């Protein structure tokens, strides 16, 4: 669920041109040009990390143990 949430957040922020800010920040901080695909991949990676954290905290244990 966190993956989908972060992708929706990325899409909503795109409506306010936030991706341009992120792309420019990457260019200035790291000297690398990135695309919108990388912008969405960053949010996807954050969502995956969030899912892993939730899994390790035991949030999903009730779903796996229902049987």
PDB file of N, CA and C in Angstrom:
ATOM      1  N   UNK A   1       0.821  -1.203   0.000  1.00  0.00           N
ATOM      2  CA  UNK A   1       0.000   0.000   0.000  1.00  0.00           C
ATOM      3  C   UNK A   1       0.859   1.259   0.000  1.00  0.00           C
ATOM      4  N   UNK A   2       2.007   1.207   0.670  1.00  0.00           N
ATOM      5  CA  UNK A   2       2.887   2.379   0.717  1.00  0.00           C
ATOM      6  C   UNK A   2       3.433   2.712  -0.669  1.00  0.00           C
ATOM      7  N   UNK A   3       3.663   1.684  -1.488  1.00  0.00           N
ATOM      8  CA  UNK A   3       4.181   1.920  -2.839  1.00  0.00           C
ATOM      9  C   UNK A   3       3.178   2.739  -3.645  1.00  0.00           C
ATOM     10  N   UNK A   4       1.939   2.311  -3.631  1.00  0.00           N
ATOM     11  CA  UNK A   4       0.891   3.025  -4.361  1.00  0.00           C
ATOM     12  C   UNK A   4       0.700   4.436  -3.811  1.00  0.00           C
ATOM     13  N   UNK A   5       0.756   4.573  -2.506  1.00  0.00           N
ATOM     14  CA  UNK A   5       0.602   5.885  -1.869  1.00  0.00           C
ATOM     15  C   UNK A   5       1.676   6.854  -2.336  1.00  0.00           C
ATOM     16  N   UNK A   6       2.934   6.399  -2.351  1.00  0.00           N
ATOM     17  CA  UNK A   6       4.024   7.293  -2.752  1.00  0.00           C
ATOM     18  C   UNK A   6       3.966   7.626  -4.246  1.00  0.00           C
ATOM     19  N   UNK A   7       3.507   6.691  -5.075  1.00  0.00           N
ATOM     20  CA  UNK A   7       3.356   7.010  -6.496  1.00  0.00           C
ATOM     21  C   UNK A   7       2.242   8.022  -6.718  1.00  0.00           C
ATOM     22  N   UNK A   8       1.171   7.925  -5.947  1.00  0.00           N
ATOM     23  CA  UNK A   8       0.095   8.923  -6.041  1.00  0.00           C
ATOM     24  C   UNK A   8       0.594  10.283  -5.565  1.00  0.00           C
ATOM     25  N   UNK A   9       1.376  10.286  -4.494  1.00  0.00           N
ATOM     26  CA  UNK A   9       1.957  11.547  -4.009  1.00  0.00           C
ATOM     27  C   UNK A   9       2.836  12.160  -5.086  1.00  0.00           C
ATOM     28  N   UNK A  10       3.654  11.340  -5.751  1.00  0.00           N
ATOM     29  CA  UNK A  10       4.519  11.839  -6.823  1.00  0.00           C
ATOM     30  C   UNK A  10       3.690  12.450  -7.939  1.00  0.00           C
ATOM     31  N   UNK A  11       2.592  11.779  -8.295  1.00  0.00           N
ATOM     32  CA  UNK A  11       1.733  12.291  -9.363  1.00  0.00           C
ATOM     33  C   UNK A  11       1.084  13.614  -8.969  1.00  0.00           C
ATOM     34  N   UNK A  12       0.586  13.704  -7.738  1.00  0.00           N
ATOM     35  CA  UNK A  12      -0.045  14.946  -7.272  1.00  0.00           C
ATOM     36  C   UNK A  12       0.980  16.077  -7.244  1.00  0.00           C
ATOM     37  N   UNK A  13       2.183  15.789  -6.767  1.00  0.00           N
ATOM     38  CA  UNK A  13       3.220  16.825  -6.736  1.00  0.00           C
ATOM     39  C   UNK A  13       3.616  17.267  -8.138  1.00  0.00           C
ATOM     40  N   UNK A  14       3.499  16.365  -9.109  1.00  0.00           N
ATOM     41  CA  UNK A  14       3.792  16.719 -10.498  1.00  0.00           C
ATOM     42  C   UNK A  14       2.816  17.779 -11.002  1.00  0.00           C
ATOM     43  N   UNK A  15       1.599  17.756 -10.494  1.00  0.00           N
ATOM     44  CA  UNK A  15       0.622  18.771 -10.899  1.00  0.00           C
ATOM     45  C   UNK A  15       1.068  20.174 -10.495  1.00  0.00           C
ATOM     46  N   UNK A  16       1.937  20.253  -9.482  1.00  0.00           N
ATOM     47  CA  UNK A  16       2.461  21.538  -9.013  1.00  0.00           C
ATOM     48  C   UNK A  16       3.903  21.755  -9.446  1.00  0.00           C
ATOM     49  N   UNK A  17       4.349  20.997 -10.470  1.00  0.00           N
ATOM     50  CA  UNK A  17       5.691  21.106 -11.046  1.00  0.00           C
ATOM     51  C   UNK A  17       6.806  20.800 -10.048  1.00  0.00           C
ATOM     52  N   UNK A  18       6.527  19.958  -9.073  1.00  0.00           N
ATOM     53  CA  UNK A  18       7.543  19.582  -8.085  1.00  0.00           C
ATOM     54  C   UNK A  18       8.661  18.775  -8.726  1.00  0.00           C
ATOM     55  N   UNK A  19       8.345  18.029  -9.798  1.00  0.00           N
ATOM     56  CA  UNK A  19       9.375  17.210 -10.436  1.00  0.00           C
ATOM     57  C   UNK A  19      10.486  18.072 -11.018  1.00  0.00           C
ATOM     58  N   UNK A  20      10.138  19.278 -11.476  1.00  0.00           N
ATOM     59  CA  UNK A  20      11.161  20.189 -12.004  1.00  0.00           C
ATOM     60  C   UNK A  20      12.125  20.607 -10.902  1.00  0.00           C
ATOM     61  N   UNK A  21      11.605  20.827  -9.707  1.00  0.00           N
ATOM     62  CA  UNK A  21      12.440  21.176  -8.562  1.00  0.00           C
ATOM     63  C   UNK A  21      13.395  20.033  -8.221  1.00  0.00           C
ATOM     64  N   UNK A  22      12.875  18.803  -8.210  1.00  0.00           N
ATOM     65  CA  UNK A  22      13.701  17.638  -7.883  1.00  0.00           C
ATOM     66  C   UNK A  22      14.770  17.421  -8.949  1.00  0.00           C
ATOM     67  N   UNK A  23      14.384  17.537 -10.214  1.00  0.00           N
ATOM     68  CA  UNK A  23      15.343  17.363 -11.309  1.00  0.00           C
ATOM     69  C   UNK A  23      16.438  18.414 -11.244  1.00  0.00           C
ATOM     70  N   UNK A  24      16.079  19.657 -10.986  1.00  0.00           N
ATOM     71  CA  UNK A  24      17.069  20.730 -10.875  1.00  0.00           C
ATOM     72  C   UNK A  24      17.962  20.527  -9.661  1.00  0.00           C
ATOM     73  N   UNK A  25      17.390  20.084  -8.547  1.00  0.00           N
ATOM     74  CA  UNK A  25      18.181  19.847  -7.336  1.00  0.00           C
ATOM     75  C   UNK A  25      19.207  18.745  -7.572  1.00  0.00           C
ATOM     76  N   UNK A  26      18.808  17.667  -8.246  1.00  0.00           N
ATOM     77  CA  UNK A  26      19.756  16.597  -8.555  1.00  0.00           C
ATOM     78  C   UNK A  26      20.879  17.098  -9.430  1.00  0.00           C
ATOM     79  N   UNK A  27      20.533  17.934 -10.392  1.00  0.00           N
ATOM     80  CA  UNK A  27      21.542  18.473 -11.302  1.00  0.00           C
ATOM     81  C   UNK A  27      22.547  19.334 -10.545  1.00  0.00           C
ATOM     82  N   UNK A  28      22.078  20.165  -9.635  1.00  0.00           N
ATOM     83  CA  UNK A  28      22.962  21.041  -8.886  1.00  0.00           C
ATOM     84  C   UNK A  28      23.760  20.298  -7.816  1.00  0.00           C
ATOM     85  N   UNK A  29      23.123  19.339  -7.135  1.00  0.00           N
ATOM     86  CA  UNK A  29      23.799  18.631  -6.051  1.00  0.00           C
ATOM     87  C   UNK A  29      24.779  17.574  -6.542  1.00  0.00           C
ATOM     88  N   UNK A  30      24.386  16.825  -7.560  1.00  0.00           N
ATOM     89  CA  UNK A  30      25.185  15.684  -7.984  1.00  0.00           C
ATOM     90  C   UNK A  30      25.772  15.826  -9.384  1.00  0.00           C
ATOM     91  N   UNK A  31      25.406  16.878 -10.092  1.00  0.00           N
ATOM     92  CA  UNK A  31      25.922  17.086 -11.437  1.00  0.00           C
ATOM     93  C   UNK A  31      25.390  16.072 -12.441  1.00  0.00           C
ATOM     94  N   UNK A  32      24.240  15.473 -12.151  1.00  0.00           N
ATOM     95  CA  UNK A  32      23.646  14.457 -13.024  1.00  0.00           C
ATOM     96  C   UNK A  32      22.290  14.948 -13.526  1.00  0.00           C
ATOM     97  N   UNK A  33      22.045  14.722 -14.797  1.00  0.00           N
ATOM     98  CA  UNK A  33      20.731  15.019 -15.350  1.00  0.00           C
ATOM     99  C   UNK A  33      19.843  13.800 -15.165  1.00  0.00           C
ATOM    100  N   UNK A  34      18.651  14.010 -14.635  1.00  0.00           N
ATOM    101  CA  UNK A  34      17.698  12.917 -14.474  1.00  0.00           C
ATOM    102  C   UNK A  34      16.421  13.272 -15.219  1.00  0.00           C
ATOM    103  N   UNK A  35      15.580  12.278 -15.415  1.00  0.00           N
ATOM    104  CA  UNK A  35      14.330  12.473 -16.142  1.00  0.00           C
ATOM    105  C   UNK A  35      13.148  12.289 -15.202  1.00  0.00           C
ATOM    106  N   UNK A  36      11.949  12.441 -15.751  1.00  0.00           N
ATOM    107  CA  UNK A  36      10.745  12.199 -14.960  1.00  0.00           C
ATOM    108  C   UNK A  36      10.661  10.739 -14.524  1.00  0.00           C
ATOM    109  N   UNK A  37      11.204   9.844 -15.340  1.00  0.00           N
ATOM    110  CA  UNK A  37      11.196   8.425 -14.980  1.00  0.00           C
ATOM    111  C   UNK A  37      11.990   8.212 -13.698  1.00  0.00           C
ATOM    112  N   UNK A  38      13.105   8.888 -13.564  1.00  0.00           N
ATOM    113  CA  UNK A  38      13.913   8.782 -12.347  1.00  0.00           C
ATOM    114  C   UNK A  38      13.169   9.393 -11.170  1.00  0.00           C
ATOM    115  N   UNK A  39      12.468  10.484 -11.411  1.00  0.00           N
ATOM    116  CA  UNK A  39      11.658  11.125 -10.374  1.00  0.00           C
ATOM    117  C   UNK A  39      10.635  10.135  -9.811  1.00  0.00           C
ATOM    118  N   UNK A  40       9.910   9.448 -10.702  1.00  0.00           N
ATOM    119  CA  UNK A  40       8.925   8.466 -10.248  1.00  0.00           C
ATOM    120  C   UNK A  40       9.605   7.260  -9.604  1.00  0.00           C
ATOM    121  N   UNK A  41      10.772   6.872 -10.124  1.00  0.00           N
ATOM    122  CA  UNK A  41      11.501   5.756  -9.539  1.00  0.00           C
ATOM    123  C   UNK A  41      11.922   6.073  -8.105  1.00  0.00           C
ATOM    124  N   UNK A  42      12.299   7.311  -7.831  1.00  0.00           N
ATOM    125  CA  UNK A  42      12.656   7.704  -6.467  1.00  0.00           C
ATOM    126  C   UNK A  42      11.484   7.505  -5.515  1.00  0.00           C
ATOM    127  N   UNK A  43      10.306   7.915  -5.929  1.00  0.00           N
ATOM    128  CA  UNK A  43       9.119   7.729  -5.090  1.00  0.00           C
ATOM    129  C   UNK A  43       8.763   6.251  -4.964  1.00  0.00           C
ATOM    130  N   UNK A  44       8.968   5.486  -6.036  1.00  0.00           N
ATOM    131  CA  UNK A  44       8.746   4.045  -5.971  1.00  0.00           C
ATOM    132  C   UNK A  44       9.699   3.409  -4.966  1.00  0.00           C
ATOM    133  N   UNK A  45      10.969   3.807  -5.001  1.00  0.00           N
ATOM    134  CA  UNK A  45      11.956   3.257  -4.073  1.00  0.00           C
ATOM    135  C   UNK A  45      11.615   3.614  -2.623  1.00  0.00           C
ATOM    136  N   UNK A  46      11.160   4.825  -2.397  1.00  0.00           N
ATOM    137  CA  UNK A  46      10.747   5.221  -1.046  1.00  0.00           C
ATOM    138  C   UNK A  46       9.560   4.371  -0.595  1.00  0.00           C
ATOM    139  N   UNK A  47       8.619   4.124  -1.499  1.00  0.00           N
ATOM    140  CA  UNK A  47       7.474   3.288  -1.177  1.00  0.00           C
ATOM    141  C   UNK A  47       7.872   1.857  -0.868  1.00  0.00           C
ATOM    142  N   UNK A  48       8.800   1.303  -1.634  1.00  0.00           N
ATOM    143  CA  UNK A  48       9.287  -0.059  -1.369  1.00  0.00           C
ATOM    144  C   UNK A  48       9.968  -0.119  -0.015  1.00  0.00           C
ATOM    145  N   UNK A  49      10.788   0.881   0.275  1.00  0.00           N
ATOM    146  CA  UNK A  49      11.452   0.939   1.579  1.00  0.00           C
ATOM    147  C   UNK A  49      10.415   1.002   2.700  1.00  0.00           C
ATOM    148  N   UNK A  50       9.357   1.786   2.489  1.00  0.00           N
ATOM    149  CA  UNK A  50       8.283   1.881   3.475  1.00  0.00           C
ATOM    150  C   UNK A  50       7.587   0.547   3.685  1.00  0.00           C
ATOM    151  N   UNK A  51       7.361  -0.187   2.599  1.00  0.00           N
ATOM    152  CA  UNK A  51       6.736  -1.506   2.710  1.00  0.00           C
ATOM    153  C   UNK A  51       7.621  -2.470   3.494  1.00  0.00           C
ATOM    154  N   UNK A  52       8.918  -2.414   3.255  1.00  0.00           N
ATOM    155  CA  UNK A  52       9.850  -3.283   3.985  1.00  0.00           C
ATOM    156  C   UNK A  52       9.830  -2.953   5.470  1.00  0.00           C
ATOM    157  N   UNK A  53       9.817  -1.678   5.800  1.00  0.00           N
ATOM    158  CA  UNK A  53       9.765  -1.263   7.206  1.00  0.00           C
ATOM    159  C   UNK A  53       8.474  -1.761   7.854  1.00  0.00           C
ATOM    160  N   UNK A  54       7.353  -1.602   7.164  1.00  0.00           N
ATOM    161  CA  UNK A  54       6.079  -2.079   7.706  1.00  0.00           C
ATOM    162  C   UNK A  54       6.084  -3.598   7.886  1.00  0.00           C
ATOM    163  N   UNK A  55       6.678  -4.295   6.949  1.00  0.00           N
ATOM    164  CA  UNK A  55       6.766  -5.751   7.050  1.00  0.00           C
ATOM    165  C   UNK A  55       7.606  -6.160   8.258  1.00  0.00           C
ATOM    166  N   UNK A  56       8.726  -5.490   8.466  1.00  0.00           N
ATOM    167  CA  UNK A  56       9.601  -5.813   9.595  1.00  0.00           C
ATOM    168  C   UNK A  56       8.974  -5.435  10.934  1.00  0.00           C
ATOM    169  N   UNK A  57       8.121  -4.441  10.950  1.00  0.00           N
ATOM    170  CA  UNK A  57       7.443  -4.049  12.180  1.00  0.00           C
ATOM    171  C   UNK A  57       6.309  -5.000  12.540  1.00  0.00           C
ATOM    172  N   UNK A  58       5.950  -5.869  11.633  1.00  0.00           N
ATOM    173  CA  UNK A  58       4.890  -6.821  11.905  1.00  0.00           C
ATOM    174  C   UNK A  58       3.513  -6.339  11.524  1.00  0.00           C
ATOM    175  N   UNK A  59       3.420  -5.267  10.794  1.00  0.00           N
ATOM    176  CA  UNK A  59       2.127  -4.718  10.399  1.00  0.00           C
ATOM    177  C   UNK A  59       1.340  -5.705   9.540  1.00  0.00           C
ATOM    178  N   UNK A  60       2.029  -6.453   8.700  1.00  0.00           N
ATOM    179  CA  UNK A  60       1.359  -7.366   7.794  1.00  0.00           C
ATOM    180  C   UNK A  60       1.244  -8.776   8.336  1.00  0.00           C
ATOM    181  N   UNK A  61       1.683  -9.014   9.539  1.00  0.00           N
ATOM    182  CA  UNK A  61       1.671 -10.378  10.083  1.00  0.00           C
ATOM    183  C   UNK A  61       0.250 -10.940  10.187  1.00  0.00           C
ATOM    184  N   UNK A  62      -0.723 -10.086  10.479  1.00  0.00           N
ATOM    185  CA  UNK A  62      -2.102 -10.580  10.599  1.00  0.00           C
ATOM    186  C   UNK A  62      -2.638 -11.056   9.239  1.00  0.00           C
ATOM    187  N   UNK A  63      -2.159 -10.445   8.136  1.00  0.00           N
ATOM    188  CA  UNK A  63      -2.592 -10.877   6.809  1.00  0.00           C
ATOM    189  C   UNK A  63      -2.002 -12.233   6.448  1.00  0.00           C
ATOM    190  N   UNK A  64      -0.745 -12.470   6.858  1.00  0.00           N
ATOM    191  CA  UNK A  64      -0.081 -13.730   6.532  1.00  0.00           C
ATOM    192  C   UNK A  64      -0.550 -14.878   7.417  1.00  0.00           C
ATOM    193  N   UNK A  65      -0.996 -14.579   8.610  1.00  0.00           N
ATOM    194  CA  UNK A  65      -1.349 -15.631   9.550  1.00  0.00           C
ATOM    195  C   UNK A  65      -2.831 -16.034   9.500  1.00  0.00           C
ATOM    196  N   UNK A  66      -3.614 -15.328   8.723  1.00  0.00           N
ATOM    197  CA  UNK A  66      -5.059 -15.637   8.661  1.00  0.00           C
ATOM    198  C   UNK A  66      -5.322 -17.021   8.086  1.00  0.00           C
ATOM    199  N   UNK A  67      -4.572 -17.399   7.044  1.00  0.00           N
ATOM    200  CA  UNK A  67      -4.671 -18.737   6.465  1.00  0.00           C
ATOM    201  C   UNK A  67      -5.933 -19.016   5.880  1.00  0.00           C
TER     202      UNK A  67
END
